[in-house]
Amino acid sequence: MDWSTNTTWQKKAKEKTKIYQRFLNTVKPAELIKKLPALHEEAFQKIDCLDCANCCKNHSPTFKSTDLKRISKFLRIKETDFIAHYLKLDEDNDFVLQQSPCTFLNADNTCRIYEVRPSDCARYPYTDEDVFIKRKSLTLTNASVCPAVHAILEKLSAV
C-alpha cells in the first residue's frame, strides 16, 4: 500500500483520537511497554517509511548538540554555519528546521543525511519505547502523521 497517497488511515486516526486518548489514559504503562517492541516490529514489516515520509514532510526533529556536531562534520561545514543556514530556535528554545518539508528529504523520500540523522529521526515514531506512553499527546499527534503509530493504536485499542 502506498501510505503517502492513501489518506483513509489518517482520517480514521483523527476520528478515533478520543478513543486512543482514553485507551492511553487507562492502560497500565508497564504492560503496554512490554508489548511495544513486537507491535513495532509487526507494523514495520507492513509499512515502508520510504512510501510515506510524512514525518519528514510535516515535522521537524529537535537537534541536540551531539546531532549538530555529527551533521555539520558530515556536511563539512562549521556548526555555526549549519545552524545559521538550516535551523531556528522554537518556542521551547530547541533547534528545529527552518522549513518544512525537511531540507534533507530527497524527491524519492530518502534522506540526504540518513547515516548521521538527528537522534529524534532515528527514534521516530517512538513506537518501541516508553515515550509512546509517557508523551501521550505526542503519540496522539503522531497517529495522524505516521501509519505505524495508527496501526499500533488500532491494534491496542481494539483489545
C-alpha atoms as a PDB file:
ATOM      1  CA  MET A   1       0.000   0.000   0.000  1.00  0.00           C
ATOM      2  CA  ASP A   2       1.220   3.491  -0.787  1.00  0.00           C
ATOM      3  CA  TRP A   3       0.809   5.224   2.572  1.00  0.00           C
ATOM      4  CA  SER A   4       1.608   8.642   1.144  1.00  0.00           C
ATOM      5  CA  THR A   5      -1.458   8.772  -1.112  1.00  0.00           C
ATOM      6  CA  ASN A   6      -3.883   6.657   0.941  1.00  0.00           C
ATOM      7  CA  THR A   7      -5.357   9.068   3.464  1.00  0.00           C
ATOM      8  CA  THR A   8      -8.013   6.690   4.810  1.00  0.00           C
ATOM      9  CA  TRP A   9      -5.827   5.791   7.789  1.00  0.00           C
ATOM     10  CA  GLN A  10      -5.217   9.483   8.556  1.00  0.00           C
ATOM     11  CA  LYS A  11      -8.943  10.229   8.547  1.00  0.00           C
ATOM     12  CA  LYS A  12      -9.606   7.221  10.767  1.00  0.00           C
ATOM     13  CA  ALA A  13      -6.811   8.227  13.155  1.00  0.00           C
ATOM     14  CA  LYS A  14      -8.272  11.720  13.534  1.00  0.00           C
ATOM     15  CA  GLU A  15     -11.776  10.329  14.064  1.00  0.00           C
ATOM     16  CA  LYS A  16     -10.530   7.933  16.748  1.00  0.00           C
ATOM     17  CA  THR A  17      -8.336  10.391  18.678  1.00  0.00           C
ATOM     18  CA  LYS A  18     -10.643  10.349  21.709  1.00  0.00           C
ATOM     19  CA  ILE A  19     -10.734   6.532  21.731  1.00  0.00           C
ATOM     20  CA  TYR A  20      -6.933   6.398  21.520  1.00  0.00           C
ATOM     21  CA  GLN A  21      -6.626   9.032  24.247  1.00  0.00           C
ATOM     22  CA  ARG A  22      -8.990   7.135  26.549  1.00  0.00           C
ATOM     23  CA  PHE A  23      -7.012   3.961  25.928  1.00  0.00           C
ATOM     24  CA  LEU A  24      -3.651   5.634  26.651  1.00  0.00           C
ATOM     25  CA  ASN A  25      -5.052   7.176  29.841  1.00  0.00           C
ATOM     26  CA  THR A  26      -6.368   3.885  31.205  1.00  0.00           C
ATOM     27  CA  VAL A  27      -3.739   1.339  30.155  1.00  0.00           C
ATOM     28  CA  LYS A  28      -1.133   0.154  32.642  1.00  0.00           C
ATOM     29  CA  PRO A  29       2.158   1.613  31.351  1.00  0.00           C
ATOM     30  CA  ALA A  30       4.335  -1.368  32.314  1.00  0.00           C
ATOM     31  CA  GLU A  31       2.062  -3.812  30.459  1.00  0.00           C
ATOM     32  CA  LEU A  32       1.930  -1.631  27.364  1.00  0.00           C
ATOM     33  CA  ILE A  33       5.686  -1.047  27.254  1.00  0.00           C
ATOM     34  CA  LYS A  34       6.266  -4.817  27.202  1.00  0.00           C
ATOM     35  CA  LYS A  35       4.013  -5.169  24.119  1.00  0.00           C
ATOM     36  CA  LEU A  36       5.526  -2.321  22.109  1.00  0.00           C
ATOM     37  CA  PRO A  37       8.634  -3.965  20.581  1.00  0.00           C
ATOM     38  CA  ALA A  38       6.620  -6.799  18.998  1.00  0.00           C
ATOM     39  CA  LEU A  39       3.911  -4.419  17.763  1.00  0.00           C
ATOM     40  CA  HIS A  40       6.574  -2.066  16.373  1.00  0.00           C
ATOM     41  CA  GLU A  41       8.212  -4.947  14.508  1.00  0.00           C
ATOM     42  CA  GLU A  42       4.880  -6.150  13.124  1.00  0.00           C
ATOM     43  CA  ALA A  43       3.871  -2.664  11.933  1.00  0.00           C
ATOM     44  CA  PHE A  44       7.161  -2.021  10.165  1.00  0.00           C
ATOM     45  CA  GLN A  45       7.024  -5.356   8.364  1.00  0.00           C
ATOM     46  CA  LYS A  46       3.971  -3.940   6.567  1.00  0.00           C
ATOM     47  CA  ILE A  47       4.875  -0.251   6.374  1.00  0.00           C
ATOM     48  CA  ASP A  48       7.808   1.132   4.410  1.00  0.00           C
ATOM     49  CA  CYS A  49       8.803   4.604   5.565  1.00  0.00           C
ATOM     50  CA  LEU A  50      10.018   5.436   2.056  1.00  0.00           C
ATOM     51  CA  ASP A  51       6.435   5.118   0.789  1.00  0.00           C
ATOM     52  CA  CYS A  52       5.319   7.825   3.181  1.00  0.00           C
ATOM     53  CA  ALA A  53       7.894  10.200   4.720  1.00  0.00           C
ATOM     54  CA  ASN A  54       5.056  12.135   6.366  1.00  0.00           C
ATOM     55  CA  CYS A  55       7.297  12.713   9.376  1.00  0.00           C
ATOM     56  CA  CYS A  56       9.885  14.454   7.198  1.00  0.00           C
ATOM     57  CA  LYS A  57       7.201  16.393   5.359  1.00  0.00           C
ATOM     58  CA  ASN A  58       5.317  17.589   8.436  1.00  0.00           C
ATOM     59  CA  HIS A  59       7.599  17.642  11.490  1.00  0.00           C
ATOM     60  CA  SER A  60      11.000  18.855  12.474  1.00  0.00           C
ATOM     61  CA  PRO A  61      13.215  16.927  14.826  1.00  0.00           C
ATOM     62  CA  THR A  62      14.948  18.774  17.605  1.00  0.00           C
ATOM     63  CA  PHE A  63      18.668  18.972  17.014  1.00  0.00           C
ATOM     64  CA  LYS A  64      20.723  18.187  20.106  1.00  0.00           C
ATOM     65  CA  SER A  65      24.342  19.354  20.426  1.00  0.00           C
ATOM     66  CA  THR A  66      25.611  15.872  19.504  1.00  0.00           C
ATOM     67  CA  ASP A  67      23.433  15.981  16.363  1.00  0.00           C
ATOM     68  CA  LEU A  68      24.791  19.399  15.430  1.00  0.00           C
ATOM     69  CA  LYS A  69      28.397  18.222  15.723  1.00  0.00           C
ATOM     70  CA  ARG A  70      27.818  14.980  13.809  1.00  0.00           C
ATOM     71  CA  ILE A  71      25.783  16.511  10.976  1.00  0.00           C
ATOM     72  CA  SER A  72      27.962  19.580  10.445  1.00  0.00           C
ATOM     73  CA  LYS A  73      31.047  17.348  10.315  1.00  0.00           C
ATOM     74  CA  PHE A  74      29.290  15.122   7.743  1.00  0.00           C
ATOM     75  CA  LEU A  75      28.344  18.171   5.655  1.00  0.00           C
ATOM     76  CA  ARG A  76      31.861  19.594   6.104  1.00  0.00           C
ATOM     77  CA  ILE A  77      30.634  22.920   7.429  1.00  0.00           C
ATOM     78  CA  LYS A  78      31.070  24.734  10.727  1.00  0.00           C
ATOM     79  CA  GLU A  79      28.411  24.128  13.366  1.00  0.00           C
ATOM     80  CA  THR A  80      27.568  27.821  13.413  1.00  0.00           C
ATOM     81  CA  ASP A  81      27.085  27.791   9.623  1.00  0.00           C
ATOM     82  CA  PHE A  82      24.890  24.684   9.852  1.00  0.00           C
ATOM     83  CA  ILE A  83      22.715  26.378  12.481  1.00  0.00           C
ATOM     84  CA  ALA A  84      22.524  29.663  10.557  1.00  0.00           C
ATOM     85  CA  HIS A  85      21.677  28.017   7.249  1.00  0.00           C
ATOM     86  CA  TYR A  86      19.240  25.273   8.304  1.00  0.00           C
ATOM     87  CA  LEU A  87      17.921  25.814  11.836  1.00  0.00           C
ATOM     88  CA  LYS A  88      15.970  28.160  14.072  1.00  0.00           C
ATOM     89  CA  LEU A  89      15.040  28.210  17.750  1.00  0.00           C
ATOM     90  CA  ASP A  90      11.471  27.184  18.539  1.00  0.00           C
ATOM     91  CA  GLU A  91       9.272  28.326  21.441  1.00  0.00           C
ATOM     92  CA  ASP A  92      10.974  25.767  23.735  1.00  0.00           C
ATOM     93  CA  ASN A  93      14.421  27.119  22.782  1.00  0.00           C
ATOM     94  CA  ASP A  94      15.230  23.941  20.827  1.00  0.00           C
ATOM     95  CA  PHE A  95      16.913  23.942  17.451  1.00  0.00           C
ATOM     96  CA  VAL A  96      14.487  22.852  14.721  1.00  0.00           C
ATOM     97  CA  LEU A  97      14.447  23.105  10.942  1.00  0.00           C
ATOM     98  CA  GLN A  98      13.703  26.468   9.380  1.00  0.00           C
ATOM     99  CA  GLN A  99      11.366  24.928   6.844  1.00  0.00           C
ATOM    100  CA  SER A 100       9.078  22.044   6.095  1.00  0.00           C
ATOM    101  CA  PRO A 101       9.416  19.580   4.446  1.00  0.00           C
ATOM    102  CA  CYS A 102      12.851  18.720   5.719  1.00  0.00           C
ATOM    103  CA  THR A 103      15.681  20.289   3.758  1.00  0.00           C
ATOM    104  CA  PHE A 104      17.427  16.918   3.638  1.00  0.00           C
ATOM    105  CA  LEU A 105      14.463  14.976   2.207  1.00  0.00           C
ATOM    106  CA  ASN A 106      15.115  13.835  -1.357  1.00  0.00           C
ATOM    107  CA  ALA A 107      12.379  13.519  -4.005  1.00  0.00           C
ATOM    108  CA  ASP A 108      12.351   9.724  -3.561  1.00  0.00           C
ATOM    109  CA  ASN A 109      11.731  10.121   0.214  1.00  0.00           C
ATOM    110  CA  THR A 110      15.280   9.138   1.117  1.00  0.00           C
ATOM    111  CA  CYS A 111      17.345  11.273   3.447  1.00  0.00           C
ATOM    112  CA  ARG A 112      20.487  13.061   2.329  1.00  0.00           C
ATOM    113  CA  ILE A 113      21.967  12.770   5.839  1.00  0.00           C
ATOM    114  CA  TYR A 114      20.443   9.418   6.851  1.00  0.00           C
ATOM    115  CA  GLU A 115      23.728   7.985   8.191  1.00  0.00           C
ATOM    116  CA  VAL A 116      24.064  10.912  10.614  1.00  0.00           C
ATOM    117  CA  ARG A 117      20.416  11.955  11.014  1.00  0.00           C
ATOM    118  CA  PRO A 118      19.278  13.525  14.291  1.00  0.00           C
ATOM    119  CA  SER A 119      18.515  11.132  17.139  1.00  0.00           C
ATOM    120  CA  ASP A 120      14.858  12.255  17.008  1.00  0.00           C
ATOM    121  CA  CYS A 121      14.673  10.987  13.418  1.00  0.00           C
ATOM    122  CA  ALA A 122      16.344   7.695  14.268  1.00  0.00           C
ATOM    123  CA  ARG A 123      13.914   7.087  17.140  1.00  0.00           C
ATOM    124  CA  TYR A 124      10.743   8.280  15.399  1.00  0.00           C
ATOM    125  CA  PRO A 125       7.898   7.317  15.778  1.00  0.00           C
ATOM    126  CA  TYR A 126       8.837   6.088  19.284  1.00  0.00           C
ATOM    127  CA  THR A 127       6.619   3.026  18.933  1.00  0.00           C
ATOM    128  CA  ASP A 128       9.126   0.693  20.557  1.00  0.00           C
ATOM    129  CA  GLU A 129       9.965   2.771  23.621  1.00  0.00           C
ATOM    130  CA  ASP A 130       8.361   4.296  26.700  1.00  0.00           C
ATOM    131  CA  VAL A 131       7.911   7.693  25.004  1.00  0.00           C
ATOM    132  CA  PHE A 132       4.829   6.104  23.389  1.00  0.00           C
ATOM    133  CA  ILE A 133       3.044   6.093  26.759  1.00  0.00           C
ATOM    134  CA  LYS A 134       4.921   8.857  28.615  1.00  0.00           C
ATOM    135  CA  ARG A 135       4.198  11.517  25.984  1.00  0.00           C
ATOM    136  CA  LYS A 136       0.594  10.732  25.138  1.00  0.00           C
ATOM    137  CA  SER A 137      -0.069  13.984  23.288  1.00  0.00           C
ATOM    138  CA  LEU A 138       2.903  13.284  21.010  1.00  0.00           C
ATOM    139  CA  THR A 139       1.645   9.743  20.351  1.00  0.00           C
ATOM    140  CA  LEU A 140      -1.819  11.075  19.501  1.00  0.00           C
ATOM    141  CA  THR A 141      -0.334  13.645  17.116  1.00  0.00           C
ATOM    142  CA  ASN A 142       1.889  11.003  15.530  1.00  0.00           C
ATOM    143  CA  ALA A 143      -1.135   8.735  14.940  1.00  0.00           C
ATOM    144  CA  SER A 144      -2.311  11.028  12.152  1.00  0.00           C
ATOM    145  CA  VAL A 145       1.200  11.537  10.750  1.00  0.00           C
ATOM    146  CA  CYS A 146       2.647   8.013  10.856  1.00  0.00           C
ATOM    147  CA  PRO A 147       0.685   4.974   9.670  1.00  0.00           C
ATOM    148  CA  ALA A 148       2.678   2.733  12.018  1.00  0.00           C
ATOM    149  CA  VAL A 149       1.528   4.663  15.093  1.00  0.00           C
ATOM    150  CA  HIS A 150      -2.046   4.477  13.843  1.00  0.00           C
ATOM    151  CA  ALA A 151      -1.762   0.726  13.172  1.00  0.00           C
ATOM    152  CA  ILE A 152      -0.346   0.070  16.639  1.00  0.00           C
ATOM    153  CA  LEU A 153      -3.012   2.148  18.383  1.00  0.00           C
ATOM    154  CA  GLU A 154      -5.695   0.400  16.343  1.00  0.00           C
ATOM    155  CA  LYS A 155      -4.420  -2.985  17.432  1.00  0.00           C
ATOM    156  CA  LEU A 156      -4.021  -1.986  21.086  1.00  0.00           C
ATOM    157  CA  SER A 157      -7.342  -0.158  21.472  1.00  0.00           C
ATOM    158  CA  ALA A 158      -9.288  -2.988  19.822  1.00  0.00           C
ATOM    159  CA  VAL A 159      -8.328  -5.435  22.582  1.00  0.00           C
END
